[in-house]
C-alpha atoms as a PDB file:
ATOM      1  CA  MET A   1     -11.458   3.639  21.587  1.00  0.00           C
ATOM      2  CA  ARG A   2     -12.010   1.304  24.530  1.00  0.00           C
ATOM      3  CA  TRP A   3     -14.931  -0.369  22.725  1.00  0.00           C
ATOM      4  CA  LEU A   4     -12.658  -1.085  19.778  1.00  0.00           C
ATOM      5  CA  VAL A   5     -10.198  -2.955  22.001  1.00  0.00           C
ATOM      6  CA  VAL A   6     -13.081  -4.992  23.445  1.00  0.00           C
ATOM      7  CA  ILE A   7     -14.312  -5.781  19.928  1.00  0.00           C
ATOM      8  CA  ILE A   8     -10.841  -6.886  18.860  1.00  0.00           C
ATOM      9  CA  LEU A   9     -10.359  -9.113  21.892  1.00  0.00           C
ATOM     10  CA  PHE A  10     -13.821 -10.655  21.601  1.00  0.00           C
ATOM     11  CA  SER A  11     -13.497 -11.060  17.874  1.00  0.00           C
ATOM     12  CA  SER A  12     -10.350 -13.121  18.211  1.00  0.00           C
ATOM     13  CA  LEU A  13     -12.652 -15.873  19.436  1.00  0.00           C
ATOM     14  CA  LEU A  14     -14.893 -15.467  16.386  1.00  0.00           C
ATOM     15  CA  ALA A  15     -12.333 -14.443  13.766  1.00  0.00           C
ATOM     16  CA  THR A  16     -12.271 -16.208  10.446  1.00  0.00           C
ATOM     17  CA  PRO A  17      -8.974 -16.416   8.560  1.00  0.00           C
ATOM     18  CA  VAL A  18      -9.112 -14.825   5.119  1.00  0.00           C
ATOM     19  CA  SER A  19      -6.457 -15.422   2.473  1.00  0.00           C
ATOM     20  CA  ALA A  20      -6.976 -12.041   0.786  1.00  0.00           C
ATOM     21  CA  LEU A  21      -9.006  -8.867   1.189  1.00  0.00           C
ATOM     22  CA  ARG A  22     -10.627  -7.014  -1.693  1.00  0.00           C
ATOM     23  CA  CYS A  23     -10.563  -3.220  -1.454  1.00  0.00           C
ATOM     24  CA  SER A  24     -12.578  -1.800  -4.356  1.00  0.00           C
ATOM     25  CA  SER A  25     -10.896  -3.371  -7.378  1.00  0.00           C
ATOM     26  CA  ASP A  26      -7.581  -4.071  -5.600  1.00  0.00           C
ATOM     27  CA  LEU A  27      -6.510  -7.138  -3.642  1.00  0.00           C
ATOM     28  CA  VAL A  28      -4.485  -7.224  -0.416  1.00  0.00           C
ATOM     29  CA  GLN A  29      -2.787 -10.483   0.523  1.00  0.00           C
ATOM     30  CA  GLU A  30      -0.031 -11.906   2.695  1.00  0.00           C
ATOM     31  CA  GLY A  31       3.370 -10.456   1.859  1.00  0.00           C
ATOM     32  CA  ASP A  32       2.060  -7.027   0.840  1.00  0.00           C
ATOM     33  CA  THR A  33       3.585  -4.020   2.595  1.00  0.00           C
ATOM     34  CA  LYS A  34       1.823  -1.578   4.926  1.00  0.00           C
ATOM     35  CA  PHE A  35       2.237   1.079   2.232  1.00  0.00           C
ATOM     36  CA  GLU A  36       0.477  -1.137  -0.346  1.00  0.00           C
ATOM     37  CA  VAL A  37      -2.388  -1.894   2.058  1.00  0.00           C
ATOM     38  CA  ILE A  38      -3.033   1.781   2.814  1.00  0.00           C
ATOM     39  CA  GLU A  39      -2.641   2.710  -0.852  1.00  0.00           C
ATOM     40  CA  ARG A  40      -5.239   0.091  -1.881  1.00  0.00           C
ATOM     41  CA  CYS A  41      -7.685   0.255   1.059  1.00  0.00           C
ATOM     42  CA  GLY A  42      -7.227   3.792   2.390  1.00  0.00           C
ATOM     43  CA  GLU A  43      -6.646   4.777   5.993  1.00  0.00           C
ATOM     44  CA  PRO A  44      -7.745   2.086   8.468  1.00  0.00           C
ATOM     45  CA  LEU A  45     -10.346   2.603  11.182  1.00  0.00           C
ATOM     46  CA  SER A  46      -7.610   1.878  13.710  1.00  0.00           C
ATOM     47  CA  ILE A  47      -3.889   1.120  13.842  1.00  0.00           C
ATOM     48  CA  GLU A  48      -2.922  -0.819  16.964  1.00  0.00           C
ATOM     49  CA  PHE A  49       0.655  -1.373  18.099  1.00  0.00           C
ATOM     50  CA  VAL A  50       0.720  -4.963  19.392  1.00  0.00           C
ATOM     51  CA  GLY A  51       4.369  -5.408  20.341  1.00  0.00           C
ATOM     52  CA  TYR A  52       7.532  -6.891  18.960  1.00  0.00           C
ATOM     53  CA  ARG A  53       8.545 -10.253  17.598  1.00  0.00           C
ATOM     54  CA  LEU A  54      11.565 -11.541  19.471  1.00  0.00           C
ATOM     55  CA  ASP A  55      14.581 -13.069  17.805  1.00  0.00           C
ATOM     56  CA  GLY A  56      16.293 -16.234  19.044  1.00  0.00           C
ATOM     57  CA  PHE A  57      18.200 -14.245  21.677  1.00  0.00           C
ATOM     58  CA  GLY A  58      15.129 -12.536  23.147  1.00  0.00           C
ATOM     59  CA  ASN A  59      15.862  -9.211  21.465  1.00  0.00           C
ATOM     60  CA  ARG A  60      13.127  -7.115  19.860  1.00  0.00           C
ATOM     61  CA  ASP A  61      13.192  -7.998  16.206  1.00  0.00           C
ATOM     62  CA  LEU A  62      10.206  -6.693  14.215  1.00  0.00           C
ATOM     63  CA  VAL A  63       7.241  -4.456  15.105  1.00  0.00           C
ATOM     64  CA  ILE A  64       3.800  -6.135  15.143  1.00  0.00           C
ATOM     65  CA  GLU A  65       0.774  -3.965  14.243  1.00  0.00           C
ATOM     66  CA  HIS A  66      -2.914  -4.567  13.581  1.00  0.00           C
ATOM     67  CA  LEU A  67      -4.820  -2.510  11.022  1.00  0.00           C
ATOM     68  CA  ILE A  68      -8.609  -2.615  11.427  1.00  0.00           C
ATOM     69  CA  TYR A  69     -10.897  -1.887   8.465  1.00  0.00           C
ATOM     70  CA  GLY A  70     -14.685  -1.778   8.259  1.00  0.00           C
ATOM     71  CA  PRO A  71     -17.426  -2.170   8.865  1.00  0.00           C
ATOM     72  CA  TRP A  72     -17.967  -3.311   5.288  1.00  0.00           C
ATOM     73  CA  LYS A  73     -21.327  -5.064   4.887  1.00  0.00           C
ATOM     74  CA  GLY A  74     -21.301  -5.739   8.639  1.00  0.00           C
ATOM     75  CA  TRP A  75     -17.777  -7.210   8.707  1.00  0.00           C
ATOM     76  CA  TYR A  76     -14.555  -5.868  10.195  1.00  0.00           C
ATOM     77  CA  TYR A  77     -11.156  -6.926   8.894  1.00  0.00           C
ATOM     78  CA  LEU A  78      -7.973  -7.252  10.926  1.00  0.00           C
ATOM     79  CA  ILE A  79      -4.724  -7.136   8.994  1.00  0.00           C
ATOM     80  CA  GLU A  80      -1.673  -8.180  11.000  1.00  0.00           C
ATOM     81  CA  LEU A  81       1.663  -6.690   9.981  1.00  0.00           C
ATOM     82  CA  VAL A  82       5.023  -8.002  11.173  1.00  0.00           C
ATOM     83  CA  GLY A  83       7.929  -5.827  10.144  1.00  0.00           C
ATOM     84  CA  GLY A  84       5.634  -3.833   7.856  1.00  0.00           C
ATOM     85  CA  LYS A  85       4.428  -6.871   5.863  1.00  0.00           C
ATOM     86  CA  VAL A  86       1.018  -8.555   5.944  1.00  0.00           C
ATOM     87  CA  THR A  87       1.210 -11.894   7.775  1.00  0.00           C
ATOM     88  CA  LYS A  88      -2.476 -12.535   8.507  1.00  0.00           C
ATOM     89  CA  ILE A  89      -5.916 -11.293   7.461  1.00  0.00           C
ATOM     90  CA  GLU A  90      -9.009 -12.112   9.539  1.00  0.00           C
ATOM     91  CA  SER A  91     -12.653 -11.100   9.347  1.00  0.00           C
ATOM     92  CA  PHE A  92     -15.112 -10.729  12.210  1.00  0.00           C
ATOM     93  CA  ARG A  93     -18.511  -9.246  13.021  1.00  0.00           C
END
């Protein structure tokens, strides 16, 4: 598990933003829910709790998670969820 954290941290330097991710014949894109992602792509390699988004008063607002998929053809995919919705998709090697 430690190697996965190192890969994620290192990959943030090399990550390429992706507007959508194709899982078999389905498409995952920003705005989709965590349920839809797992339904379309299956269980991720890793689910990482990142933290919370803070509201204007400094209170915890929404949970931030990263789902990691791959390797698919040598690429890993990081799907960021804020409040259970996809906000960012990145690919890295």
